[in-house]
Amino acid sequence: MKQLFIIILAIPTLAFAGGMDRLKAFYQNTTSMRANFNQTVVDSQGRKVQEVTGTMQLQRPGKFRWDYNKPYVQQIVGDGEKVWLYDPDLNQVTVRPLSKTLGSSPASLLAGSKDMEKSFTIKDEGRQDDLDWVQATPKDADSGFERVYLGFKEDALQQMELHDSFGHITVIEFTKLERNQKPNAQAFRFTVPAGADVVGE
């Protein structure tokens, strides 16, 4: 099942400590980020239907890269203007304008601007499992997701939980997280592999 591209591509202040404050601190204090991740998808019956691992990095605003390594390879690269989706098995690249890709997608919660209230309704969800949580509900009904939860430890993002309209839940856990390291500019540039088909704008 290859729903990786859809998963990634389907702020506020309060006076008390909690998820909202953690989210605000994350946006104020994190200009770049890189981490390993483990992504698990369960269906509406609670059955695991997918588990993948990889690495990610981002630089605000609008630059990000997700490399899926196991069990198969895929790449998503946002260069600030376009988003490139590469599937080596199909030898196909799909390209989309960044402005049409971020919007109310989960990716915009990480790599987008600080003004998330234009695209999401943000709600504090309290503390659970040693993490402070917020819920982000897309204002765009066509975003592909009903809600997204973000879990923070202090101002570092540790976990995302995405609920889609089909009852699937995608959990992304981040490890070996580094913030505000000078990113390699080449990481956010995508070169179409020789012979690959290019689809999109």
N, C-alpha and C. Protein backbone atom coordinates (compact mmCIF):
# COMPACT_ATOMS: atom_id res chain seq x y z
N MET A 1 0.85 -1.20 0.00
CA MET A 1 0.00 0.00 0.00
C MET A 1 0.88 1.24 0.00
N LYS A 2 0.72 2.06 -1.01
CA LYS A 2 1.56 3.24 -1.15
C LYS A 2 0.73 4.50 -0.99
N GLN A 3 0.49 4.85 0.28
CA GLN A 3 -0.29 6.05 0.57
C GLN A 3 0.60 7.12 1.19
N LEU A 4 1.90 6.98 1.05
CA LEU A 4 2.81 7.86 1.75
C LEU A 4 2.64 9.30 1.31
N PHE A 5 2.53 9.52 0.01
CA PHE A 5 2.42 10.88 -0.49
C PHE A 5 1.15 11.53 0.01
N ILE A 6 0.06 10.78 0.03
CA ILE A 6 -1.21 11.32 0.48
C ILE A 6 -1.14 11.66 1.96
N ILE A 7 -0.48 10.81 2.74
CA ILE A 7 -0.41 11.01 4.17
C ILE A 7 0.30 12.32 4.52
N ILE A 8 1.40 12.56 3.84
CA ILE A 8 2.13 13.75 4.19
C ILE A 8 1.49 15.00 3.59
N LEU A 9 0.92 14.77 2.33
CA LEU A 9 0.36 15.92 1.65
C LEU A 9 -1.17 15.91 1.77
N ALA A 10 -2.15 15.09 2.40
CA ALA A 10 -3.51 15.41 2.79
C ALA A 10 -3.26 16.36 3.89
N ILE A 11 -1.24 30.33 15.03
CA ILE A 11 -1.06 29.42 16.10
C ILE A 11 -0.92 30.21 17.33
N PRO A 12 -1.27 30.25 17.65
CA PRO A 12 -2.07 30.57 18.79
C PRO A 12 -1.36 30.79 20.11
N THR A 13 -1.99 31.46 21.00
CA THR A 13 -1.40 31.75 22.31
C THR A 13 -2.44 31.57 23.39
N LEU A 14 -2.01 31.04 24.53
CA LEU A 14 -2.84 30.97 25.72
C LEU A 14 -1.95 31.29 26.92
N ALA A 15 -2.56 31.64 28.02
CA ALA A 15 -1.78 32.11 29.15
C ALA A 15 -1.36 31.00 30.08
N PHE A 16 -1.69 29.74 29.78
CA PHE A 16 -1.31 28.65 30.68
C PHE A 16 -0.44 27.66 29.94
N ALA A 17 0.33 26.89 30.74
CA ALA A 17 1.23 25.90 30.13
C ALA A 17 0.41 24.76 29.55
N GLY A 18 0.91 24.16 28.50
CA GLY A 18 0.21 23.03 27.89
C GLY A 18 0.56 22.95 26.42
N GLY A 19 -0.27 22.17 25.70
CA GLY A 19 0.02 21.94 24.30
C GLY A 19 0.06 23.20 23.46
N MET A 20 -0.81 24.15 23.75
CA MET A 20 -0.84 25.38 22.96
C MET A 20 0.46 26.17 23.12
N ASP A 21 0.95 26.23 24.37
CA ASP A 21 2.21 26.92 24.60
C ASP A 21 3.36 26.18 23.94
N ARG A 22 3.31 24.85 23.96
CA ARG A 22 4.37 24.06 23.32
C ARG A 22 4.38 24.30 21.81
N LEU A 23 3.20 24.37 21.23
CA LEU A 23 3.10 24.62 19.80
C LEU A 23 3.66 26.00 19.44
N LYS A 24 3.29 26.98 20.24
CA LYS A 24 3.80 28.33 20.01
C LYS A 24 5.32 28.36 20.12
N ALA A 25 5.86 27.68 21.14
CA ALA A 25 7.32 27.65 21.32
C ALA A 25 8.00 26.92 20.17
N PHE A 26 7.35 25.86 19.67
CA PHE A 26 7.90 25.11 18.54
C PHE A 26 8.07 26.03 17.33
N TYR A 27 7.08 26.84 17.05
CA TYR A 27 7.15 27.73 15.90
C TYR A 27 8.13 28.87 16.13
N GLN A 28 8.21 29.35 17.35
CA GLN A 28 9.11 30.47 17.63
C GLN A 28 10.57 30.03 17.66
N ASN A 29 10.82 28.81 18.14
CA ASN A 29 12.19 28.39 18.43
C ASN A 29 12.77 27.39 17.43
N THR A 30 11.98 26.95 16.47
CA THR A 30 12.46 25.95 15.51
C THR A 30 12.40 26.51 14.10
N THR A 31 13.56 26.75 13.52
CA THR A 31 13.62 27.21 12.13
C THR A 31 13.95 26.07 11.18
N SER A 32 14.62 25.05 11.70
CA SER A 32 14.92 23.86 10.90
C SER A 32 14.88 22.64 11.82
N MET A 33 14.70 21.48 11.22
CA MET A 33 14.54 20.26 12.00
C MET A 33 14.91 19.07 11.13
N ARG A 34 15.54 18.08 11.73
CA ARG A 34 15.75 16.81 11.05
C ARG A 34 15.63 15.69 12.07
N ALA A 35 15.17 14.53 11.61
CA ALA A 35 14.91 13.43 12.53
C ALA A 35 14.73 12.14 11.75
N ASN A 36 14.85 11.03 12.46
CA ASN A 36 14.38 9.75 11.95
C ASN A 36 12.90 9.64 12.30
N PHE A 37 12.16 8.85 11.53
CA PHE A 37 10.75 8.66 11.87
C PHE A 37 10.32 7.22 11.63
N ASN A 38 9.32 6.84 12.39
CA ASN A 38 8.63 5.56 12.20
C ASN A 38 7.16 5.87 11.99
N GLN A 39 6.61 5.41 10.89
CA GLN A 39 5.22 5.72 10.52
C GLN A 39 4.40 4.44 10.48
N THR A 40 3.32 4.42 11.26
CA THR A 40 2.45 3.26 11.34
C THR A 40 1.03 3.67 10.99
N VAL A 41 0.36 2.86 10.18
CA VAL A 41 -1.03 3.12 9.81
C VAL A 41 -1.89 1.95 10.27
N VAL A 42 -2.99 2.27 10.97
CA VAL A 42 -3.96 1.25 11.36
C VAL A 42 -5.30 1.60 10.73
N ASP A 43 -6.09 0.57 10.40
CA ASP A 43 -7.38 0.82 9.77
C ASP A 43 -8.46 1.04 10.81
N SER A 44 -9.69 1.18 10.36
CA SER A 44 -10.80 1.49 11.26
C SER A 44 -11.09 0.37 12.25
N GLN A 45 -10.55 -0.84 11.98
CA GLN A 45 -10.71 -1.97 12.89
C GLN A 45 -9.53 -2.12 13.84
N GLY A 46 -8.58 -1.20 13.76
CA GLY A 46 -7.42 -1.26 14.62
C GLY A 46 -6.31 -2.17 14.13
N ARG A 47 -6.41 -2.64 12.88
CA ARG A 47 -5.40 -3.54 12.33
C ARG A 47 -4.29 -2.74 11.66
N LYS A 48 -3.05 -3.12 11.93
CA LYS A 48 -1.91 -2.45 11.31
C LYS A 48 -1.86 -2.82 9.83
N VAL A 49 -1.89 -1.81 8.96
CA VAL A 49 -1.87 -2.06 7.52
C VAL A 49 -0.59 -1.56 6.86
N GLN A 50 0.21 -0.80 7.60
CA GLN A 50 1.45 -0.28 7.01
C GLN A 50 2.39 0.17 8.11
N GLU A 51 3.67 -0.11 7.92
CA GLU A 51 4.71 0.44 8.80
C GLU A 51 5.94 0.74 7.96
N VAL A 52 6.40 1.97 8.00
CA VAL A 52 7.56 2.38 7.22
C VAL A 52 8.47 3.24 8.10
N THR A 53 9.73 3.31 7.71
CA THR A 53 10.70 4.13 8.43
C THR A 53 11.46 4.99 7.44
N GLY A 54 12.06 6.05 7.96
CA GLY A 54 12.84 6.91 7.10
C GLY A 54 13.42 8.09 7.86
N THR A 55 13.80 9.10 7.12
CA THR A 55 14.35 10.33 7.68
C THR A 55 13.61 11.53 7.10
N MET A 56 13.58 12.61 7.86
CA MET A 56 12.95 13.83 7.39
C MET A 56 13.78 15.03 7.81
N GLN A 57 13.61 16.12 7.08
CA GLN A 57 14.19 17.39 7.48
C GLN A 57 13.36 18.52 6.88
N LEU A 58 13.41 19.66 7.54
CA LEU A 58 12.65 20.80 7.06
C LEU A 58 13.39 22.08 7.37
N GLN A 59 13.05 23.09 6.61
CA GLN A 59 13.52 24.45 6.85
C GLN A 59 12.38 25.39 6.52
N ARG A 60 11.96 26.16 7.47
CA ARG A 60 10.85 27.08 7.23
C ARG A 60 11.33 28.32 6.47
N PRO A 61 10.44 28.88 5.63
CA PRO A 61 9.12 28.34 5.29
C PRO A 61 9.15 27.53 4.00
N GLY A 62 8.42 26.44 3.99
CA GLY A 62 8.12 25.76 2.74
C GLY A 62 9.12 24.77 2.21
N LYS A 63 10.22 24.51 2.94
CA LYS A 63 11.20 23.55 2.45
C LYS A 63 11.19 22.31 3.34
N PHE A 64 11.09 21.15 2.73
CA PHE A 64 11.07 19.92 3.51
C PHE A 64 11.48 18.75 2.64
N ARG A 65 11.86 17.68 3.30
CA ARG A 65 12.26 16.46 2.60
C ARG A 65 11.91 15.27 3.49
N TRP A 66 11.22 14.30 2.90
CA TRP A 66 10.91 13.03 3.57
C TRP A 66 11.46 11.91 2.70
N ASP A 67 12.34 11.11 3.28
CA ASP A 67 12.91 9.96 2.59
C ASP A 67 12.42 8.69 3.26
N TYR A 68 11.59 7.94 2.56
CA TYR A 68 11.10 6.65 3.05
C TYR A 68 12.10 5.58 2.62
N ASN A 69 12.62 4.83 3.59
CA ASN A 69 13.70 3.88 3.31
C ASN A 69 13.27 2.42 3.36
N LYS A 70 12.41 2.06 4.28
CA LYS A 70 11.97 0.68 4.44
C LYS A 70 10.46 0.66 4.64
N PRO A 71 9.75 -0.30 4.06
CA PRO A 71 10.23 -1.44 3.27
C PRO A 71 10.52 -1.11 1.80
N TYR A 72 10.22 0.11 1.35
CA TYR A 72 10.55 0.51 -0.01
C TYR A 72 10.91 1.99 -0.01
N VAL A 73 11.52 2.43 -1.07
CA VAL A 73 12.06 3.78 -1.15
C VAL A 73 11.08 4.72 -1.85
N GLN A 74 10.85 5.87 -1.25
CA GLN A 74 10.11 6.96 -1.88
C GLN A 74 10.65 8.27 -1.33
N GLN A 75 10.45 9.36 -2.07
CA GLN A 75 10.94 10.66 -1.65
C GLN A 75 9.87 11.73 -1.86
N ILE A 76 9.82 12.67 -0.94
CA ILE A 76 9.01 13.88 -1.09
C ILE A 76 9.93 15.06 -0.80
N VAL A 77 10.05 15.97 -1.74
CA VAL A 77 10.93 17.13 -1.57
C VAL A 77 10.16 18.40 -1.88
N GLY A 78 10.14 19.32 -0.93
CA GLY A 78 9.57 20.64 -1.15
C GLY A 78 10.68 21.67 -1.22
N ASP A 79 10.80 22.36 -2.35
CA ASP A 79 11.93 23.28 -2.54
C ASP A 79 11.57 24.75 -2.30
N GLY A 80 10.39 24.98 -1.75
CA GLY A 80 9.94 26.35 -1.50
C GLY A 80 9.00 26.88 -2.55
N GLU A 81 9.01 26.25 -3.73
CA GLU A 81 8.11 26.63 -4.82
C GLU A 81 7.27 25.46 -5.32
N LYS A 82 7.89 24.29 -5.38
CA LYS A 82 7.20 23.10 -5.86
C LYS A 82 7.45 21.93 -4.90
N VAL A 83 6.58 20.93 -5.02
CA VAL A 83 6.75 19.69 -4.27
C VAL A 83 6.96 18.56 -5.27
N TRP A 84 8.03 17.81 -5.07
CA TRP A 84 8.40 16.71 -5.96
C TRP A 84 8.18 15.39 -5.24
N LEU A 85 7.43 14.49 -5.85
CA LEU A 85 7.13 13.18 -5.28
C LEU A 85 7.71 12.12 -6.20
N TYR A 86 8.67 11.36 -5.69
CA TYR A 86 9.40 10.41 -6.54
C TYR A 86 9.18 8.99 -6.05
N ASP A 87 8.72 8.14 -6.97
CA ASP A 87 8.53 6.71 -6.71
C ASP A 87 9.49 5.94 -7.61
N PRO A 88 10.61 5.43 -7.06
CA PRO A 88 11.58 4.71 -7.90
C PRO A 88 11.00 3.45 -8.53
N ASP A 89 10.09 2.75 -7.83
CA ASP A 89 9.52 1.52 -8.39
C ASP A 89 8.76 1.80 -9.68
N LEU A 90 8.06 2.93 -9.72
CA LEU A 90 7.33 3.32 -10.92
C LEU A 90 8.19 4.15 -11.86
N ASN A 91 9.36 4.56 -11.37
CA ASN A 91 10.23 5.48 -12.11
C ASN A 91 9.43 6.71 -12.55
N GLN A 92 8.70 7.27 -11.59
CA GLN A 92 7.79 8.39 -11.88
C GLN A 92 7.97 9.51 -10.87
N VAL A 93 7.95 10.73 -11.37
CA VAL A 93 8.00 11.92 -10.54
C VAL A 93 6.71 12.70 -10.73
N THR A 94 6.05 13.05 -9.63
CA THR A 94 4.87 13.91 -9.68
C THR A 94 5.26 15.25 -9.08
N VAL A 95 4.96 16.33 -9.79
CA VAL A 95 5.32 17.66 -9.31
C VAL A 95 4.07 18.51 -9.18
N ARG A 96 4.01 19.27 -8.08
CA ARG A 96 2.86 20.13 -7.81
C ARG A 96 3.35 21.47 -7.28
N PRO A 97 2.61 22.55 -7.52
CA PRO A 97 2.97 23.83 -6.91
C PRO A 97 2.86 23.73 -5.39
N LEU A 98 3.81 24.30 -4.68
CA LEU A 98 3.78 24.25 -3.22
C LEU A 98 2.52 24.89 -2.67
N SER A 99 2.08 25.98 -3.29
CA SER A 99 0.91 26.71 -2.80
C SER A 99 -0.35 25.86 -2.83
N LYS A 100 -0.40 24.90 -3.75
CA LYS A 100 -1.57 24.03 -3.85
C LYS A 100 -1.41 22.76 -3.03
N THR A 101 -0.22 22.55 -2.49
CA THR A 101 0.06 21.30 -1.79
C THR A 101 -0.03 21.46 -0.29
N LEU A 102 0.50 22.55 0.24
CA LEU A 102 0.51 22.73 1.69
C LEU A 102 -0.91 22.99 2.21
N GLY A 103 -1.36 24.24 2.12
CA GLY A 103 -2.73 24.54 2.54
C GLY A 103 -3.04 23.97 3.90
N SER A 104 -4.05 23.09 3.95
CA SER A 104 -4.48 22.46 5.19
C SER A 104 -3.93 21.05 5.34
N SER A 105 -2.79 20.78 4.73
CA SER A 105 -2.19 19.45 4.83
C SER A 105 -1.37 19.34 6.10
N PRO A 106 -1.12 18.11 6.59
CA PRO A 106 -0.26 17.94 7.76
C PRO A 106 1.13 18.54 7.57
N ALA A 107 1.64 18.51 6.33
CA ALA A 107 2.97 19.06 6.08
C ALA A 107 3.04 20.54 6.43
N SER A 108 1.94 21.26 6.26
CA SER A 108 1.96 22.69 6.54
C SER A 108 2.10 22.97 8.02
N LEU A 109 1.70 22.02 8.87
CA LEU A 109 1.86 22.19 10.30
C LEU A 109 3.33 22.19 10.69
N LEU A 110 4.17 21.56 9.89
CA LEU A 110 5.60 21.50 10.18
C LEU A 110 6.39 22.57 9.43
N ALA A 111 6.19 22.65 8.12
CA ALA A 111 7.04 23.50 7.29
C ALA A 111 6.38 24.80 6.89
N GLY A 112 5.13 25.00 7.26
CA GLY A 112 4.43 26.20 6.84
C GLY A 112 4.77 27.41 7.69
N SER A 113 4.01 28.46 7.52
CA SER A 113 4.23 29.69 8.27
C SER A 113 3.65 29.56 9.67
N LYS A 114 3.86 30.60 10.48
CA LYS A 114 3.38 30.57 11.86
C LYS A 114 1.87 30.78 11.94
N ASP A 115 1.27 31.34 10.92
CA ASP A 115 -0.14 31.71 10.98
C ASP A 115 -1.01 30.52 10.59
N MET A 116 -1.04 29.51 11.45
CA MET A 116 -1.76 28.28 11.14
C MET A 116 -3.27 28.42 11.32
N GLU A 117 -3.70 29.44 12.05
CA GLU A 117 -5.13 29.58 12.31
C GLU A 117 -5.92 29.91 11.04
N LYS A 118 -5.23 30.31 9.98
CA LYS A 118 -5.93 30.53 8.71
C LYS A 118 -6.40 29.21 8.10
N SER A 119 -5.66 28.14 8.37
CA SER A 119 -5.96 26.85 7.75
C SER A 119 -6.49 25.81 8.73
N PHE A 120 -6.27 26.03 10.03
CA PHE A 120 -6.64 25.03 11.03
C PHE A 120 -7.33 25.69 12.21
N THR A 121 -8.21 24.93 12.84
CA THR A 121 -8.73 25.27 14.16
C THR A 121 -7.90 24.52 15.18
N ILE A 122 -7.26 25.24 16.10
CA ILE A 122 -6.32 24.64 17.04
C ILE A 122 -6.97 24.53 18.41
N LYS A 123 -6.78 23.37 19.04
CA LYS A 123 -7.38 23.12 20.35
C LYS A 123 -6.39 22.39 21.24
N ASP A 124 -6.29 22.83 22.50
CA ASP A 124 -5.42 22.16 23.46
C ASP A 124 -6.05 20.83 23.88
N GLU A 125 -5.24 19.77 23.90
CA GLU A 125 -5.74 18.44 24.25
C GLU A 125 -5.14 17.90 25.54
N GLY A 126 -4.42 18.75 26.29
CA GLY A 126 -3.91 18.32 27.58
C GLY A 126 -2.65 17.47 27.48
N ARG A 127 -2.35 16.77 28.57
CA ARG A 127 -1.11 16.00 28.67
C ARG A 127 -1.42 14.51 28.76
N GLN A 128 -0.70 13.71 27.98
CA GLN A 128 -0.87 12.26 28.00
C GLN A 128 0.44 11.62 27.57
N ASP A 129 0.81 10.53 28.25
CA ASP A 129 2.04 9.79 27.94
C ASP A 129 3.26 10.71 27.93
N ASP A 130 3.31 11.63 28.90
CA ASP A 130 4.43 12.56 29.07
C ASP A 130 4.58 13.54 27.91
N LEU A 131 3.55 13.70 27.11
CA LEU A 131 3.57 14.67 26.02
C LEU A 131 2.42 15.65 26.17
N ASP A 132 2.64 16.88 25.74
CA ASP A 132 1.58 17.89 25.69
C ASP A 132 1.02 17.91 24.27
N TRP A 133 -0.32 17.80 24.18
CA TRP A 133 -0.96 17.58 22.88
C TRP A 133 -1.82 18.76 22.46
N VAL A 134 -1.87 18.98 21.13
CA VAL A 134 -2.84 19.89 20.53
C VAL A 134 -3.53 19.16 19.38
N GLN A 135 -4.75 19.57 19.12
CA GLN A 135 -5.50 19.05 17.98
C GLN A 135 -5.63 20.14 16.94
N ALA A 136 -5.34 19.81 15.69
CA ALA A 136 -5.49 20.74 14.57
C ALA A 136 -6.53 20.18 13.61
N THR A 137 -7.62 20.91 13.43
CA THR A 137 -8.69 20.48 12.53
C THR A 137 -8.65 21.33 11.27
N PRO A 138 -8.45 20.72 10.09
CA PRO A 138 -8.38 21.50 8.85
C PRO A 138 -9.69 22.22 8.57
N LYS A 139 -9.60 23.46 8.14
CA LYS A 139 -10.79 24.21 7.75
C LYS A 139 -11.23 23.86 6.33
N ASP A 140 -10.33 23.30 5.56
CA ASP A 140 -10.64 22.86 4.20
C ASP A 140 -11.20 21.44 4.26
N ALA A 141 -12.45 21.28 3.86
CA ALA A 141 -13.10 19.96 3.93
C ALA A 141 -12.47 18.96 2.98
N ASP A 142 -11.71 19.42 2.00
CA ASP A 142 -11.09 18.53 1.03
C ASP A 142 -9.63 18.21 1.36
N SER A 143 -9.21 18.45 2.59
CA SER A 143 -7.81 18.24 2.95
C SER A 143 -7.44 16.76 3.01
N GLY A 144 -8.46 15.87 3.17
CA GLY A 144 -8.18 14.44 3.25
C GLY A 144 -8.04 13.95 4.68
N PHE A 145 -7.97 14.87 5.65
CA PHE A 145 -7.85 14.49 7.05
C PHE A 145 -8.89 15.22 7.88
N GLU A 146 -9.44 14.51 8.84
CA GLU A 146 -10.43 15.12 9.71
C GLU A 146 -9.77 15.91 10.84
N ARG A 147 -8.64 15.38 11.34
CA ARG A 147 -7.94 16.07 12.42
C ARG A 147 -6.52 15.50 12.53
N VAL A 148 -5.65 16.32 13.10
CA VAL A 148 -4.26 15.94 13.32
C VAL A 148 -3.90 16.30 14.76
N TYR A 149 -3.25 15.38 15.45
CA TYR A 149 -2.77 15.63 16.80
C TYR A 149 -1.25 15.76 16.77
N LEU A 150 -0.72 16.72 17.53
CA LEU A 150 0.72 16.89 17.65
C LEU A 150 1.10 16.80 19.11
N GLY A 151 2.09 15.95 19.41
CA GLY A 151 2.55 15.75 20.78
C GLY A 151 3.94 16.33 20.98
N PHE A 152 4.09 17.16 22.01
CA PHE A 152 5.35 17.86 22.27
C PHE A 152 5.94 17.48 23.62
N LYS A 153 7.25 17.41 23.66
CA LYS A 153 7.99 17.33 24.91
C LYS A 153 8.79 18.61 25.00
N GLU A 154 8.41 19.47 25.95
CA GLU A 154 8.87 20.85 25.95
C GLU A 154 8.49 21.45 24.60
N ASP A 155 9.43 22.06 23.86
CA ASP A 155 9.03 22.64 22.57
C ASP A 155 9.52 21.80 21.40
N ALA A 156 9.80 20.51 21.64
CA ALA A 156 10.24 19.61 20.58
C ALA A 156 9.10 18.68 20.18
N LEU A 157 8.82 18.59 18.90
CA LEU A 157 7.77 17.71 18.40
C LEU A 157 8.24 16.26 18.47
N GLN A 158 7.45 15.42 19.13
CA GLN A 158 7.81 14.01 19.29
C GLN A 158 6.92 13.07 18.48
N GLN A 159 5.67 13.49 18.24
CA GLN A 159 4.74 12.56 17.60
C GLN A 159 3.62 13.32 16.90
N MET A 160 3.16 12.76 15.77
CA MET A 160 1.97 13.24 15.08
C MET A 160 1.00 12.07 14.91
N GLU A 161 -0.28 12.37 15.02
CA GLU A 161 -1.31 11.36 14.83
C GLU A 161 -2.36 11.93 13.88
N LEU A 162 -2.53 11.29 12.73
CA LEU A 162 -3.40 11.80 11.68
C LEU A 162 -4.61 10.89 11.52
N HIS A 163 -5.80 11.47 11.56
CA HIS A 163 -7.05 10.73 11.41
C HIS A 163 -7.69 11.14 10.08
N ASP A 164 -7.88 10.17 9.18
CA ASP A 164 -8.47 10.52 7.89
C ASP A 164 -9.96 10.18 7.85
N SER A 165 -10.59 10.51 6.74
CA SER A 165 -12.04 10.36 6.62
C SER A 165 -12.48 8.91 6.45
N PHE A 166 -11.52 7.99 6.28
CA PHE A 166 -11.84 6.57 6.14
C PHE A 166 -11.66 5.80 7.44
N GLY A 167 -11.34 6.51 8.51
CA GLY A 167 -11.14 5.85 9.80
C GLY A 167 -9.73 5.35 10.02
N HIS A 168 -8.82 5.62 9.09
CA HIS A 168 -7.43 5.22 9.28
C HIS A 168 -6.72 6.21 10.20
N ILE A 169 -5.82 5.69 11.00
CA ILE A 169 -5.01 6.52 11.89
C ILE A 169 -3.54 6.30 11.56
N THR A 170 -2.84 7.37 11.27
CA THR A 170 -1.41 7.32 10.97
C THR A 170 -0.65 7.95 12.12
N VAL A 171 0.26 7.18 12.70
CA VAL A 171 1.08 7.67 13.81
C VAL A 171 2.52 7.81 13.32
N ILE A 172 3.08 9.00 13.47
CA ILE A 172 4.47 9.26 13.08
C ILE A 172 5.24 9.64 14.34
N GLU A 173 6.24 8.83 14.68
CA GLU A 173 7.07 9.08 15.85
C GLU A 173 8.45 9.53 15.39
N PHE A 174 8.95 10.61 16.01
CA PHE A 174 10.24 11.18 15.64
C PHE A 174 11.30 10.82 16.67
N THR A 175 12.47 10.39 16.21
CA THR A 175 13.59 10.08 17.09
C THR A 175 14.86 10.73 16.54
N LYS A 176 15.88 10.80 17.39
CA LYS A 176 17.17 11.41 17.02
C LYS A 176 16.94 12.79 16.40
N LEU A 177 16.10 13.54 17.05
CA LEU A 177 15.68 14.84 16.53
C LEU A 177 16.74 15.90 16.79
N GLU A 178 17.06 16.67 15.76
CA GLU A 178 17.98 17.81 15.87
C GLU A 178 17.27 19.04 15.32
N ARG A 179 17.46 20.16 16.02
CA ARG A 179 16.81 21.40 15.60
C ARG A 179 17.83 22.50 15.39
N ASN A 180 17.50 23.35 14.44
CA ASN A 180 18.25 24.58 14.19
C ASN A 180 19.70 24.34 13.81
N GLN A 181 19.97 23.16 13.24
CA GLN A 181 21.26 22.91 12.63
C GLN A 181 21.22 23.49 11.21
N LYS A 182 22.34 23.99 10.74
CA LYS A 182 22.36 24.55 9.40
C LYS A 182 22.12 23.45 8.39
N PRO A 183 21.00 23.50 7.67
CA PRO A 183 20.69 22.41 6.73
C PRO A 183 21.53 22.49 5.47
N ASN A 184 21.70 21.35 4.84
CA ASN A 184 22.35 21.29 3.54
C ASN A 184 21.35 21.75 2.49
N ALA A 185 21.67 22.85 1.82
CA ALA A 185 20.74 23.41 0.84
C ALA A 185 20.40 22.42 -0.26
N GLN A 186 21.32 21.52 -0.57
CA GLN A 186 21.07 20.53 -1.61
C GLN A 186 19.95 19.57 -1.24
N ALA A 187 19.69 19.44 0.06
CA ALA A 187 18.66 18.50 0.51
C ALA A 187 17.29 18.89 -0.01
N PHE A 188 17.07 20.17 -0.28
CA PHE A 188 15.76 20.65 -0.70
C PHE A 188 15.71 20.95 -2.20
N ARG A 189 16.66 20.42 -2.93
CA ARG A 189 16.66 20.54 -4.39
C ARG A 189 16.48 19.15 -4.98
N PHE A 190 15.57 19.04 -5.90
CA PHE A 190 15.29 17.73 -6.50
C PHE A 190 15.69 17.74 -7.97
N THR A 191 16.45 16.75 -8.35
CA THR A 191 16.84 16.56 -9.74
C THR A 191 16.13 15.33 -10.28
N VAL A 192 15.39 15.49 -11.35
CA VAL A 192 14.64 14.37 -11.92
C VAL A 192 15.62 13.31 -12.41
N PRO A 193 15.49 12.07 -11.95
CA PRO A 193 16.38 11.00 -12.41
C PRO A 193 16.25 10.77 -13.91
N ALA A 194 17.34 10.41 -14.53
CA ALA A 194 17.33 10.16 -15.97
C ALA A 194 16.33 9.07 -16.32
N GLY A 195 15.49 9.35 -17.30
CA GLY A 195 14.52 8.37 -17.77
C GLY A 195 13.22 8.33 -17.01
N ALA A 196 13.11 9.09 -15.92
CA ALA A 196 11.88 9.06 -15.13
C ALA A 196 10.77 9.84 -15.83
N ASP A 197 9.54 9.34 -15.72
CA ASP A 197 8.38 10.06 -16.23
C ASP A 197 8.02 11.18 -15.25
N VAL A 198 7.67 12.34 -15.78
CA VAL A 198 7.28 13.48 -14.95
C VAL A 198 5.81 13.79 -15.20
N VAL A 199 5.04 13.83 -14.12
CA VAL A 199 3.60 14.06 -14.20
C VAL A 199 3.25 15.28 -13.36
N GLY A 200 2.41 16.15 -13.88
CA GLY A 200 1.93 17.28 -13.10
C GLY A 200 2.35 18.60 -13.69
N GLU A 201 2.24 19.64 -12.85
CA GLU A 201 2.45 21.01 -13.31
C GLU A 201 3.92 21.38 -13.26
